[in-house]
Amino acid sequence: MARRVRAYVGLGSNTGDSATTLAVAVAALGALGGARLRAVSRLYVTRPVGVLDQPDYLNAVVALEVARGPHPDDGALALLRALKGIEADAGRTDGRRWGPRVLDLDLLVFGRARILVARPPELAPIRVMDSAEAAGVPPAPTLLQVPHRDAADRLFVLAPLADLAPGLVPPGWHETVATVRARREREEGADAVRQAGDWDARTRRWVDR
């Protein structure tokens, strides 16, 4: 029997009907071949990061059971490929870094693996071409890093991830997700992340709190 691992995927959207977009994405994640949807976090409203002149985001996290693959790098890249496909199906196109998103899916944790591997070109982050690339200079390789390199600094990750796995100490961390979340909330203030809905497994949507 193929080995399986627990993966956590972050979801975000701030363009269009974001709640519906995220609910559709949850369904798509649960329908991935060989994957099993294990849990869905609450829905959160979070302030944008980097580019502040844009709407607030809706964010959530899902827990999936997925195939590990022959090596964790292989399994993580296979899952990333599936995430990119779901983003494309939702209508995501090139955009500025930290800019508005129809749908953003991030691989946060992949079992107990620490992964740092070059992404194939088709799995590079979706973004606007910079001036060097426009002039014909090939882009530098991008890396897939798991656990996600920014997860410990982002309440839009920590709050929903703590719903599902408060006692988790991701590989390379030295504290639980719940501990890191509490510290970030103290530093950023109570309004930095706000609960917006609870997942209803029957309707497969978030319901208002």
N, C-alpha and C. Protein backbone atom coordinates (compact mmCIF):
# COMPACT_ATOMS: atom_id res chain seq x y z
N MET A 1 0.85 -1.20 0.00
CA MET A 1 0.00 0.00 0.00
C MET A 1 0.88 1.25 0.00
N ALA A 2 0.56 2.20 -0.87
CA ALA A 2 1.35 3.42 -0.98
C ALA A 2 1.28 4.23 0.31
N ARG A 3 2.41 4.78 0.71
CA ARG A 3 2.45 5.58 1.92
C ARG A 3 1.72 6.90 1.69
N ARG A 4 1.00 7.35 2.72
CA ARG A 4 0.23 8.59 2.63
C ARG A 4 0.66 9.54 3.74
N VAL A 5 0.46 10.83 3.50
CA VAL A 5 0.84 11.83 4.48
C VAL A 5 -0.29 12.84 4.62
N ARG A 6 -0.25 13.60 5.72
CA ARG A 6 -1.20 14.70 5.94
C ARG A 6 -0.57 15.98 5.40
N ALA A 7 -1.27 16.61 4.49
CA ALA A 7 -0.83 17.87 3.91
C ALA A 7 -1.82 18.96 4.29
N TYR A 8 -1.31 20.17 4.50
CA TYR A 8 -2.16 21.32 4.79
C TYR A 8 -1.99 22.33 3.67
N VAL A 9 -3.12 22.80 3.15
CA VAL A 9 -3.13 23.74 2.02
C VAL A 9 -3.86 25.00 2.45
N GLY A 10 -3.22 26.16 2.23
CA GLY A 10 -3.85 27.44 2.51
C GLY A 10 -4.62 27.94 1.31
N LEU A 11 -5.77 28.56 1.56
CA LEU A 11 -6.61 29.12 0.50
C LEU A 11 -6.83 30.60 0.78
N GLY A 12 -6.81 31.40 -0.28
CA GLY A 12 -7.07 32.82 -0.13
C GLY A 12 -7.72 33.40 -1.38
N SER A 13 -8.53 34.43 -1.18
CA SER A 13 -9.17 35.12 -2.30
C SER A 13 -9.63 36.49 -1.84
N ASN A 14 -9.53 37.49 -2.72
CA ASN A 14 -10.10 38.81 -2.42
C ASN A 14 -10.69 39.47 -3.65
N THR A 15 -11.02 38.66 -4.65
CA THR A 15 -11.60 39.18 -5.88
C THR A 15 -12.86 38.40 -6.21
N GLY A 16 -13.94 39.11 -6.55
CA GLY A 16 -15.19 38.44 -6.89
C GLY A 16 -15.89 37.89 -5.65
N ASP A 17 -16.68 36.83 -5.86
CA ASP A 17 -17.39 36.17 -4.76
C ASP A 17 -16.42 35.21 -4.09
N SER A 18 -15.60 35.74 -3.19
CA SER A 18 -14.50 34.96 -2.64
C SER A 18 -14.96 33.76 -1.84
N ALA A 19 -16.03 33.89 -1.09
CA ALA A 19 -16.49 32.76 -0.28
C ALA A 19 -16.89 31.59 -1.17
N THR A 20 -17.58 31.89 -2.26
CA THR A 20 -17.97 30.83 -3.19
C THR A 20 -16.74 30.25 -3.88
N THR A 21 -15.81 31.11 -4.29
CA THR A 21 -14.59 30.63 -4.94
C THR A 21 -13.84 29.67 -4.03
N LEU A 22 -13.73 30.00 -2.76
CA LEU A 22 -13.01 29.13 -1.84
C LEU A 22 -13.76 27.83 -1.59
N ALA A 23 -15.09 27.89 -1.51
CA ALA A 23 -15.87 26.66 -1.33
C ALA A 23 -15.71 25.73 -2.53
N VAL A 24 -15.69 26.30 -3.73
CA VAL A 24 -15.48 25.49 -4.93
C VAL A 24 -14.08 24.88 -4.91
N ALA A 25 -13.10 25.66 -4.45
CA ALA A 25 -11.73 25.14 -4.35
C ALA A 25 -11.65 23.99 -3.35
N VAL A 26 -12.36 24.08 -2.23
CA VAL A 26 -12.38 22.98 -1.26
C VAL A 26 -12.92 21.71 -1.93
N ALA A 27 -14.00 21.86 -2.68
CA ALA A 27 -14.57 20.71 -3.38
C ALA A 27 -13.57 20.13 -4.38
N ALA A 28 -12.86 21.00 -5.08
CA ALA A 28 -11.87 20.53 -6.06
C ALA A 28 -10.72 19.80 -5.38
N LEU A 29 -10.29 20.30 -4.23
CA LEU A 29 -9.22 19.63 -3.49
C LEU A 29 -9.68 18.24 -3.03
N GLY A 30 -10.91 18.15 -2.56
CA GLY A 30 -11.43 16.87 -2.11
C GLY A 30 -11.62 15.88 -3.23
N ALA A 31 -11.74 16.38 -4.46
CA ALA A 31 -11.96 15.51 -5.62
C ALA A 31 -10.67 15.11 -6.32
N LEU A 32 -9.53 15.58 -5.84
CA LEU A 32 -8.27 15.21 -6.47
C LEU A 32 -8.06 13.71 -6.39
N GLY A 33 -7.56 13.14 -7.46
CA GLY A 33 -7.32 11.71 -7.49
C GLY A 33 -6.39 11.27 -6.39
N GLY A 34 -6.82 10.31 -5.60
CA GLY A 34 -5.99 9.79 -4.54
C GLY A 34 -5.96 10.61 -3.27
N ALA A 35 -6.64 11.75 -3.26
CA ALA A 35 -6.64 12.61 -2.08
C ALA A 35 -7.92 12.40 -1.28
N ARG A 36 -7.83 12.63 0.02
CA ARG A 36 -9.00 12.57 0.90
C ARG A 36 -9.04 13.85 1.72
N LEU A 37 -10.17 14.53 1.67
CA LEU A 37 -10.35 15.75 2.45
C LEU A 37 -10.64 15.36 3.89
N ARG A 38 -9.79 15.81 4.81
CA ARG A 38 -9.93 15.41 6.20
C ARG A 38 -10.55 16.49 7.08
N ALA A 39 -10.31 17.76 6.78
CA ALA A 39 -10.86 18.83 7.64
C ALA A 39 -10.77 20.16 6.91
N VAL A 40 -11.66 21.06 7.28
CA VAL A 40 -11.70 22.42 6.73
C VAL A 40 -11.79 23.39 7.89
N SER A 41 -10.98 24.42 7.87
CA SER A 41 -10.96 25.40 8.96
C SER A 41 -12.14 26.35 8.88
N ARG A 42 -12.23 27.20 9.88
CA ARG A 42 -13.12 28.34 9.78
C ARG A 42 -12.66 29.26 8.65
N LEU A 43 -13.53 30.17 8.25
CA LEU A 43 -13.20 31.19 7.27
C LEU A 43 -12.80 32.45 8.03
N TYR A 44 -11.75 33.11 7.54
CA TYR A 44 -11.23 34.31 8.21
C TYR A 44 -11.14 35.48 7.23
N VAL A 45 -11.32 36.67 7.77
CA VAL A 45 -11.02 37.91 7.05
C VAL A 45 -9.68 38.41 7.55
N THR A 46 -8.76 38.69 6.61
CA THR A 46 -7.44 39.17 7.00
C THR A 46 -7.05 40.37 6.16
N ARG A 47 -6.22 41.21 6.74
CA ARG A 47 -5.74 42.39 6.03
C ARG A 47 -4.71 41.98 4.98
N PRO A 48 -4.67 42.68 3.84
CA PRO A 48 -3.67 42.34 2.82
C PRO A 48 -2.25 42.61 3.32
N VAL A 49 -1.31 41.88 2.75
CA VAL A 49 0.10 41.99 3.09
C VAL A 49 0.85 42.48 1.87
N GLY A 50 1.82 43.37 2.06
CA GLY A 50 2.65 43.83 0.95
C GLY A 50 2.03 44.97 0.19
N VAL A 51 0.98 44.69 -0.57
CA VAL A 51 0.23 45.71 -1.30
C VAL A 51 -1.04 45.99 -0.52
N LEU A 52 -1.11 47.16 0.12
CA LEU A 52 -2.20 47.43 1.04
C LEU A 52 -3.43 48.01 0.36
N ASP A 53 -3.27 48.56 -0.83
CA ASP A 53 -4.38 49.20 -1.55
C ASP A 53 -5.18 48.15 -2.32
N GLN A 54 -5.87 47.30 -1.57
CA GLN A 54 -6.69 46.25 -2.15
C GLN A 54 -7.64 45.76 -1.09
N PRO A 55 -8.69 45.01 -1.48
CA PRO A 55 -9.66 44.53 -0.49
C PRO A 55 -9.04 43.53 0.49
N ASP A 56 -9.68 43.39 1.65
CA ASP A 56 -9.31 42.34 2.58
C ASP A 56 -9.47 40.98 1.92
N TYR A 57 -8.77 40.01 2.47
CA TYR A 57 -8.82 38.64 1.96
C TYR A 57 -9.75 37.77 2.80
N LEU A 58 -10.28 36.75 2.17
CA LEU A 58 -10.86 35.62 2.88
C LEU A 58 -9.85 34.49 2.82
N ASN A 59 -9.64 33.83 3.95
CA ASN A 59 -8.63 32.77 4.03
C ASN A 59 -9.15 31.57 4.80
N ALA A 60 -8.62 30.41 4.45
CA ALA A 60 -8.94 29.17 5.14
C ALA A 60 -7.79 28.20 4.92
N VAL A 61 -7.84 27.07 5.60
CA VAL A 61 -6.87 25.98 5.43
C VAL A 61 -7.64 24.67 5.38
N VAL A 62 -7.19 23.75 4.53
CA VAL A 62 -7.76 22.42 4.50
C VAL A 62 -6.67 21.40 4.83
N ALA A 63 -7.08 20.29 5.41
CA ALA A 63 -6.20 19.15 5.65
C ALA A 63 -6.55 18.07 4.66
N LEU A 64 -5.54 17.58 3.96
CA LEU A 64 -5.72 16.52 2.97
C LEU A 64 -4.84 15.33 3.33
N GLU A 65 -5.32 14.15 3.05
CA GLU A 65 -4.47 12.96 3.07
C GLU A 65 -4.11 12.65 1.62
N VAL A 66 -2.83 12.63 1.32
CA VAL A 66 -2.37 12.47 -0.06
C VAL A 66 -1.24 11.45 -0.12
N ALA A 67 -0.96 10.99 -1.33
CA ALA A 67 0.15 10.06 -1.53
C ALA A 67 1.48 10.78 -1.32
N ARG A 68 2.38 10.12 -0.61
CA ARG A 68 3.70 10.68 -0.36
C ARG A 68 4.55 10.66 -1.62
N GLY A 69 4.35 9.66 -2.48
CA GLY A 69 5.20 9.49 -3.65
C GLY A 69 6.46 8.73 -3.29
N PRO A 70 7.29 8.41 -4.30
CA PRO A 70 8.54 7.70 -4.04
C PRO A 70 9.45 8.47 -3.08
N HIS A 71 9.36 9.77 -3.11
CA HIS A 71 10.12 10.66 -2.23
C HIS A 71 9.22 11.85 -1.92
N PRO A 72 9.34 12.46 -0.74
CA PRO A 72 8.46 13.60 -0.44
C PRO A 72 8.52 14.72 -1.49
N ASP A 73 9.69 14.95 -2.09
CA ASP A 73 9.76 15.97 -3.14
C ASP A 73 8.78 15.66 -4.26
N ASP A 74 8.70 14.37 -4.64
CA ASP A 74 7.81 13.98 -5.73
C ASP A 74 6.36 14.21 -5.36
N GLY A 75 5.98 13.79 -4.15
CA GLY A 75 4.61 13.97 -3.72
C GLY A 75 4.22 15.43 -3.60
N ALA A 76 5.13 16.25 -3.06
CA ALA A 76 4.83 17.67 -2.91
C ALA A 76 4.69 18.36 -4.26
N LEU A 77 5.56 18.03 -5.21
CA LEU A 77 5.46 18.64 -6.54
C LEU A 77 4.19 18.19 -7.26
N ALA A 78 3.80 16.93 -7.06
CA ALA A 78 2.55 16.46 -7.67
C ALA A 78 1.36 17.21 -7.10
N LEU A 79 1.36 17.44 -5.79
CA LEU A 79 0.26 18.20 -5.18
C LEU A 79 0.30 19.64 -5.65
N LEU A 80 1.48 20.24 -5.74
CA LEU A 80 1.58 21.61 -6.22
C LEU A 80 1.04 21.73 -7.63
N ARG A 81 1.33 20.75 -8.48
CA ARG A 81 0.81 20.77 -9.85
C ARG A 81 -0.72 20.78 -9.84
N ALA A 82 -1.31 19.98 -8.94
CA ALA A 82 -2.77 19.96 -8.83
C ALA A 82 -3.31 21.30 -8.34
N LEU A 83 -2.61 21.93 -7.39
CA LEU A 83 -3.05 23.24 -6.89
C LEU A 83 -3.04 24.28 -8.00
N LYS A 84 -2.00 24.27 -8.82
CA LYS A 84 -1.92 25.22 -9.92
C LYS A 84 -3.07 25.01 -10.90
N GLY A 85 -3.44 23.76 -11.11
CA GLY A 85 -4.56 23.49 -12.00
C GLY A 85 -5.87 24.04 -11.46
N ILE A 86 -6.08 23.91 -10.15
CA ILE A 86 -7.30 24.44 -9.55
C ILE A 86 -7.31 25.96 -9.63
N GLU A 87 -6.15 26.59 -9.39
CA GLU A 87 -6.08 28.06 -9.53
C GLU A 87 -6.44 28.48 -10.95
N ALA A 88 -5.89 27.79 -11.94
CA ALA A 88 -6.17 28.15 -13.34
C ALA A 88 -7.64 27.97 -13.65
N ASP A 89 -8.25 26.90 -13.16
CA ASP A 89 -9.68 26.66 -13.41
C ASP A 89 -10.54 27.77 -12.79
N ALA A 90 -10.05 28.37 -11.71
CA ALA A 90 -10.79 29.47 -11.06
C ALA A 90 -10.62 30.79 -11.79
N GLY A 91 -9.72 30.82 -12.78
CA GLY A 91 -9.52 32.03 -13.56
C GLY A 91 -8.35 32.88 -13.13
N ARG A 92 -7.45 32.29 -12.33
CA ARG A 92 -6.29 33.08 -11.91
C ARG A 92 -5.36 33.32 -13.10
N THR A 93 -4.89 34.55 -13.21
CA THR A 93 -3.94 34.94 -14.25
C THR A 93 -2.78 35.67 -13.61
N ASP A 94 -1.81 36.08 -14.44
CA ASP A 94 -0.66 36.79 -13.93
C ASP A 94 -1.08 38.03 -13.16
N GLY A 95 -0.37 38.33 -12.10
CA GLY A 95 -0.65 39.52 -11.31
C GLY A 95 0.57 39.95 -10.56
N ARG A 96 0.54 41.18 -10.03
CA ARG A 96 1.69 41.67 -9.30
C ARG A 96 1.82 40.92 -7.97
N ARG A 97 3.06 40.81 -7.51
CA ARG A 97 3.31 40.12 -6.25
C ARG A 97 2.51 40.78 -5.12
N TRP A 98 1.83 39.97 -4.34
CA TRP A 98 0.99 40.39 -3.24
C TRP A 98 -0.25 41.16 -3.69
N GLY A 99 -0.52 41.17 -5.00
CA GLY A 99 -1.70 41.88 -5.48
C GLY A 99 -2.97 41.05 -5.33
N PRO A 100 -4.10 41.60 -5.79
CA PRO A 100 -5.38 40.89 -5.66
C PRO A 100 -5.34 39.52 -6.33
N ARG A 101 -6.10 38.59 -5.78
CA ARG A 101 -6.12 37.22 -6.28
C ARG A 101 -7.55 36.69 -6.34
N VAL A 102 -7.89 36.08 -7.47
CA VAL A 102 -9.14 35.32 -7.54
C VAL A 102 -9.04 34.10 -6.63
N LEU A 103 -7.89 33.42 -6.69
CA LEU A 103 -7.67 32.25 -5.85
C LEU A 103 -6.17 32.04 -5.68
N ASP A 104 -5.77 31.83 -4.45
CA ASP A 104 -4.37 31.54 -4.13
C ASP A 104 -4.36 30.28 -3.28
N LEU A 105 -3.62 29.27 -3.73
CA LEU A 105 -3.49 28.01 -3.01
C LEU A 105 -2.02 27.80 -2.68
N ASP A 106 -1.70 27.60 -1.41
CA ASP A 106 -0.32 27.43 -0.98
C ASP A 106 -0.17 26.10 -0.24
N LEU A 107 0.85 25.35 -0.61
CA LEU A 107 1.19 24.14 0.13
C LEU A 107 1.97 24.54 1.37
N LEU A 108 1.38 24.33 2.53
CA LEU A 108 1.95 24.80 3.79
C LEU A 108 2.80 23.75 4.47
N VAL A 109 2.29 22.55 4.57
CA VAL A 109 2.96 21.46 5.28
C VAL A 109 2.71 20.18 4.50
N PHE A 110 3.73 19.33 4.41
CA PHE A 110 3.60 18.04 3.72
C PHE A 110 4.17 16.96 4.62
N GLY A 111 3.31 16.42 5.48
CA GLY A 111 3.76 15.42 6.43
C GLY A 111 4.86 15.96 7.33
N ARG A 112 5.87 15.14 7.55
CA ARG A 112 7.01 15.54 8.38
C ARG A 112 8.20 15.95 7.54
N ALA A 113 7.99 16.20 6.26
CA ALA A 113 9.09 16.47 5.34
C ALA A 113 9.48 17.94 5.36
N ARG A 114 10.79 18.18 5.25
CA ARG A 114 11.31 19.51 4.95
C ARG A 114 11.79 19.46 3.50
N ILE A 115 11.22 20.33 2.69
CA ILE A 115 11.42 20.26 1.24
C ILE A 115 11.97 21.58 0.74
N LEU A 116 12.99 21.51 -0.07
CA LEU A 116 13.52 22.68 -0.78
C LEU A 116 13.97 22.16 -2.15
N VAL A 117 13.13 22.37 -3.14
CA VAL A 117 13.37 21.76 -4.45
C VAL A 117 13.00 22.77 -5.54
N ALA A 118 13.75 22.73 -6.63
CA ALA A 118 13.45 23.62 -7.75
C ALA A 118 12.10 23.26 -8.37
N ARG A 119 11.33 24.27 -8.66
CA ARG A 119 10.05 24.05 -9.32
C ARG A 119 10.29 23.92 -10.83
N PRO A 120 9.61 23.00 -11.48
CA PRO A 120 9.60 23.03 -12.95
C PRO A 120 9.02 24.36 -13.42
N PRO A 121 9.41 24.83 -14.61
CA PRO A 121 8.94 26.14 -15.08
C PRO A 121 7.43 26.31 -15.04
N GLU A 122 6.70 25.23 -15.33
CA GLU A 122 5.24 25.35 -15.36
C GLU A 122 4.64 25.50 -13.97
N LEU A 123 5.45 25.28 -12.94
CA LEU A 123 4.95 25.43 -11.56
C LEU A 123 5.51 26.66 -10.87
N ALA A 124 6.13 27.54 -11.64
CA ALA A 124 6.63 28.79 -11.06
C ALA A 124 5.46 29.64 -10.60
N PRO A 125 5.67 30.48 -9.59
CA PRO A 125 4.58 31.36 -9.13
C PRO A 125 4.03 32.20 -10.27
N ILE A 126 2.73 32.38 -10.26
CA ILE A 126 2.08 33.22 -11.27
C ILE A 126 2.32 34.68 -10.93
N ARG A 127 2.92 35.42 -11.85
CA ARG A 127 3.22 36.83 -11.57
C ARG A 127 3.43 37.56 -12.89
N VAL A 128 3.49 38.87 -12.81
CA VAL A 128 3.75 39.70 -13.98
C VAL A 128 5.21 39.53 -14.39
N MET A 129 5.46 39.46 -15.69
CA MET A 129 6.82 39.38 -16.19
C MET A 129 7.56 40.67 -15.86
N ASP A 130 8.81 40.53 -15.34
CA ASP A 130 9.56 41.73 -15.02
C ASP A 130 10.32 42.22 -16.25
N SER A 131 11.02 43.37 -16.12
CA SER A 131 11.64 44.00 -17.28
C SER A 131 12.74 43.15 -17.88
N ALA A 132 13.50 42.43 -17.03
CA ALA A 132 14.57 41.58 -17.54
C ALA A 132 14.00 40.44 -18.39
N GLU A 133 12.94 39.83 -17.91
CA GLU A 133 12.33 38.75 -18.68
C GLU A 133 11.75 39.28 -19.98
N ALA A 134 11.15 40.48 -19.92
CA ALA A 134 10.59 41.07 -21.13
C ALA A 134 11.67 41.32 -22.16
N ALA A 135 12.89 41.53 -21.70
CA ALA A 135 14.01 41.76 -22.60
C ALA A 135 14.65 40.45 -23.08
N GLY A 136 14.09 39.31 -22.65
CA GLY A 136 14.60 38.04 -23.12
C GLY A 136 15.51 37.32 -22.16
N VAL A 137 15.71 37.88 -20.95
CA VAL A 137 16.56 37.22 -19.96
C VAL A 137 15.73 36.17 -19.25
N PRO A 138 16.15 34.90 -19.26
CA PRO A 138 15.34 33.86 -18.61
C PRO A 138 15.25 34.11 -17.11
N PRO A 139 14.10 33.81 -16.50
CA PRO A 139 13.95 34.03 -15.05
C PRO A 139 14.81 33.05 -14.26
N ALA A 140 15.18 33.48 -13.06
CA ALA A 140 15.91 32.59 -12.17
C ALA A 140 14.98 31.47 -11.70
N PRO A 141 15.53 30.28 -11.44
CA PRO A 141 14.70 29.19 -10.95
C PRO A 141 14.01 29.58 -9.64
N THR A 142 12.80 29.12 -9.47
CA THR A 142 12.09 29.33 -8.21
C THR A 142 12.06 28.03 -7.44
N LEU A 143 11.91 28.13 -6.14
CA LEU A 143 11.99 26.97 -5.27
C LEU A 143 10.65 26.72 -4.59
N LEU A 144 10.35 25.46 -4.40
CA LEU A 144 9.26 25.07 -3.53
C LEU A 144 9.85 24.77 -2.17
N GLN A 145 9.43 25.54 -1.16
CA GLN A 145 9.91 25.34 0.21
C GLN A 145 8.74 24.95 1.09
N VAL A 146 8.87 23.80 1.73
CA VAL A 146 7.83 23.29 2.63
C VAL A 146 8.51 22.81 3.91
N PRO A 147 7.99 23.20 5.08
CA PRO A 147 6.87 24.11 5.32
C PRO A 147 7.07 25.47 4.63
N HIS A 148 5.97 26.08 4.29
CA HIS A 148 6.00 27.36 3.58
C HIS A 148 6.84 28.36 4.36
N ARG A 149 7.72 29.04 3.65
CA ARG A 149 8.72 29.87 4.33
C ARG A 149 8.12 31.03 5.11
N ASP A 150 6.93 31.51 4.72
CA ASP A 150 6.33 32.66 5.39
C ASP A 150 5.25 32.29 6.39
N ALA A 151 4.99 31.00 6.55
CA ALA A 151 3.84 30.58 7.35
C ALA A 151 3.88 31.12 8.78
N ALA A 152 5.05 31.12 9.39
CA ALA A 152 5.14 31.53 10.79
C ALA A 152 4.93 33.02 10.99
N ASP A 153 4.94 33.79 9.91
CA ASP A 153 4.79 35.25 10.00
C ASP A 153 3.43 35.74 9.54
N ARG A 154 2.56 34.84 9.10
CA ARG A 154 1.32 35.26 8.45
C ARG A 154 0.10 34.76 9.21
N LEU A 155 -0.65 35.69 9.77
CA LEU A 155 -1.86 35.30 10.47
C LEU A 155 -2.89 34.67 9.55
N PHE A 156 -2.85 35.03 8.26
CA PHE A 156 -3.83 34.42 7.35
C PHE A 156 -3.56 32.93 7.16
N VAL A 157 -2.36 32.48 7.53
CA VAL A 157 -2.04 31.05 7.58
C VAL A 157 -2.25 30.51 8.98
N LEU A 158 -1.69 31.19 9.97
CA LEU A 158 -1.66 30.67 11.33
C LEU A 158 -3.05 30.49 11.94
N ALA A 159 -3.95 31.45 11.71
CA ALA A 159 -5.27 31.35 12.34
C ALA A 159 -6.04 30.12 11.86
N PRO A 160 -6.22 29.93 10.55
CA PRO A 160 -6.95 28.73 10.13
C PRO A 160 -6.17 27.44 10.37
N LEU A 161 -4.85 27.47 10.26
CA LEU A 161 -4.08 26.26 10.52
C LEU A 161 -4.21 25.84 11.99
N ALA A 162 -4.27 26.82 12.88
CA ALA A 162 -4.44 26.51 14.30
C ALA A 162 -5.81 25.90 14.59
N ASP A 163 -6.81 26.20 13.77
CA ASP A 163 -8.11 25.54 13.93
C ASP A 163 -7.97 24.04 13.77
N LEU A 164 -7.17 23.62 12.79
CA LEU A 164 -7.07 22.21 12.43
C LEU A 164 -5.99 21.47 13.19
N ALA A 165 -4.89 22.15 13.50
CA ALA A 165 -3.75 21.46 14.10
C ALA A 165 -3.04 22.36 15.10
N PRO A 166 -3.71 22.74 16.19
CA PRO A 166 -3.10 23.69 17.13
C PRO A 166 -1.82 23.17 17.75
N GLY A 167 -1.72 21.85 17.95
CA GLY A 167 -0.55 21.28 18.59
C GLY A 167 0.56 20.88 17.63
N LEU A 168 0.36 21.11 16.35
CA LEU A 168 1.36 20.74 15.35
C LEU A 168 2.61 21.61 15.49
N VAL A 169 3.76 20.96 15.47
CA VAL A 169 5.05 21.65 15.37
C VAL A 169 5.60 21.32 13.99
N PRO A 170 5.41 22.18 13.00
CA PRO A 170 5.87 21.86 11.65
C PRO A 170 7.37 21.61 11.62
N PRO A 171 7.85 20.79 10.71
CA PRO A 171 9.28 20.52 10.62
C PRO A 171 10.10 21.82 10.53
N GLY A 172 11.11 21.93 11.39
CA GLY A 172 11.94 23.13 11.42
C GLY A 172 11.47 24.18 12.39
N TRP A 173 10.23 24.07 12.87
CA TRP A 173 9.73 24.98 13.89
C TRP A 173 10.12 24.43 15.27
N HIS A 174 10.00 25.29 16.28
CA HIS A 174 10.30 24.86 17.65
C HIS A 174 9.13 25.16 18.58
N GLU A 175 8.01 25.56 18.01
CA GLU A 175 6.81 25.88 18.78
C GLU A 175 5.59 25.36 18.03
N THR A 176 4.51 25.21 18.77
CA THR A 176 3.27 24.77 18.13
C THR A 176 2.67 25.91 17.30
N VAL A 177 1.81 25.52 16.37
CA VAL A 177 1.10 26.51 15.55
C VAL A 177 0.29 27.44 16.45
N ALA A 178 -0.37 26.88 17.47
CA ALA A 178 -1.19 27.71 18.36
C ALA A 178 -0.36 28.75 19.08
N THR A 179 0.83 28.39 19.52
CA THR A 179 1.71 29.32 20.23
C THR A 179 2.15 30.46 19.31
N VAL A 180 2.53 30.13 18.10
CA VAL A 180 2.98 31.15 17.16
C VAL A 180 1.81 32.06 16.78
N ARG A 181 0.63 31.47 16.59
CA ARG A 181 -0.54 32.28 16.26
C ARG A 181 -0.83 33.29 17.37
N ALA A 182 -0.81 32.84 18.62
CA ALA A 182 -1.12 33.74 19.73
C ALA A 182 -0.13 34.89 19.79
N ARG A 183 1.13 34.61 19.56
CA ARG A 183 2.12 35.68 19.58
C ARG A 183 1.90 36.68 18.45
N ARG A 184 1.62 36.18 17.25
CA ARG A 184 1.38 37.10 16.13
C ARG A 184 0.14 37.95 16.38
N GLU A 185 -0.89 37.40 16.97
CA GLU A 185 -2.08 38.19 17.25
C GLU A 185 -1.79 39.29 18.26
N ARG A 186 -0.96 38.99 19.25
CA ARG A 186 -0.58 40.03 20.22
C ARG A 186 0.21 41.14 19.53
N GLU A 187 1.06 40.78 18.60
CA GLU A 187 1.91 41.75 17.92
C GLU A 187 1.13 42.59 16.91
N GLU A 188 0.17 41.99 16.21
CA GLU A 188 -0.51 42.68 15.12
C GLU A 188 -1.85 43.29 15.52
N GLY A 189 -2.40 42.87 16.64
CA GLY A 189 -3.66 43.43 17.09
C GLY A 189 -4.84 42.53 16.78
N ALA A 190 -5.91 42.72 17.55
CA ALA A 190 -7.07 41.84 17.46
C ALA A 190 -7.77 41.92 16.12
N ASP A 191 -7.65 43.06 15.41
CA ASP A 191 -8.39 43.20 14.15
C ASP A 191 -7.60 42.70 12.95
N ALA A 192 -6.42 42.13 13.17
CA ALA A 192 -5.61 41.66 12.05
C ALA A 192 -6.21 40.42 11.40
N VAL A 193 -6.96 39.64 12.16
CA VAL A 193 -7.63 38.45 11.62
C VAL A 193 -8.95 38.30 12.35
N ARG A 194 -10.03 38.10 11.57
CA ARG A 194 -11.36 38.04 12.14
C ARG A 194 -12.10 36.83 11.59
N GLN A 195 -12.75 36.10 12.48
CA GLN A 195 -13.52 34.94 12.03
C GLN A 195 -14.73 35.41 11.23
N ALA A 196 -14.99 34.72 10.12
CA ALA A 196 -16.09 35.12 9.24
C ALA A 196 -17.11 34.02 9.02
N GLY A 197 -16.78 32.79 9.33
CA GLY A 197 -17.73 31.71 9.10
C GLY A 197 -17.20 30.37 9.56
N ASP A 198 -18.14 29.45 9.80
CA ASP A 198 -17.81 28.08 10.19
C ASP A 198 -18.14 27.15 9.03
N TRP A 199 -17.28 26.16 8.81
CA TRP A 199 -17.51 25.22 7.72
C TRP A 199 -18.68 24.30 8.05
N ASP A 200 -19.61 24.19 7.10
CA ASP A 200 -20.76 23.30 7.23
C ASP A 200 -20.54 22.13 6.28
N ALA A 201 -20.24 20.96 6.83
CA ALA A 201 -19.93 19.80 5.99
C ALA A 201 -21.13 19.34 5.18
N ARG A 202 -22.33 19.64 5.65
CA ARG A 202 -23.53 19.21 4.93
C ARG A 202 -23.71 20.02 3.64
N THR A 203 -23.63 21.34 3.76
CA THR A 203 -23.82 22.19 2.58
C THR A 203 -22.52 22.44 1.83
N ARG A 204 -21.40 22.09 2.47
CA ARG A 204 -20.06 22.29 1.90
C ARG A 204 -19.80 23.76 1.60
N ARG A 205 -20.18 24.55 2.56
CA ARG A 205 -19.94 25.99 2.49
C ARG A 205 -19.68 26.50 3.91
N TRP A 206 -19.16 27.72 4.00
CA TRP A 206 -19.05 28.36 5.30
C TRP A 206 -20.35 29.08 5.60
N VAL A 207 -20.77 29.01 6.84
CA VAL A 207 -21.99 29.71 7.26
C VAL A 207 -21.58 30.85 8.17
N ASP A 208 -22.31 31.97 8.08
CA ASP A 208 -21.96 33.16 8.85
C ASP A 208 -22.00 32.86 10.34
N ARG A 209 -21.05 33.48 11.04
CA ARG A 209 -21.03 33.36 12.48
C ARG A 209 -22.04 34.31 13.10
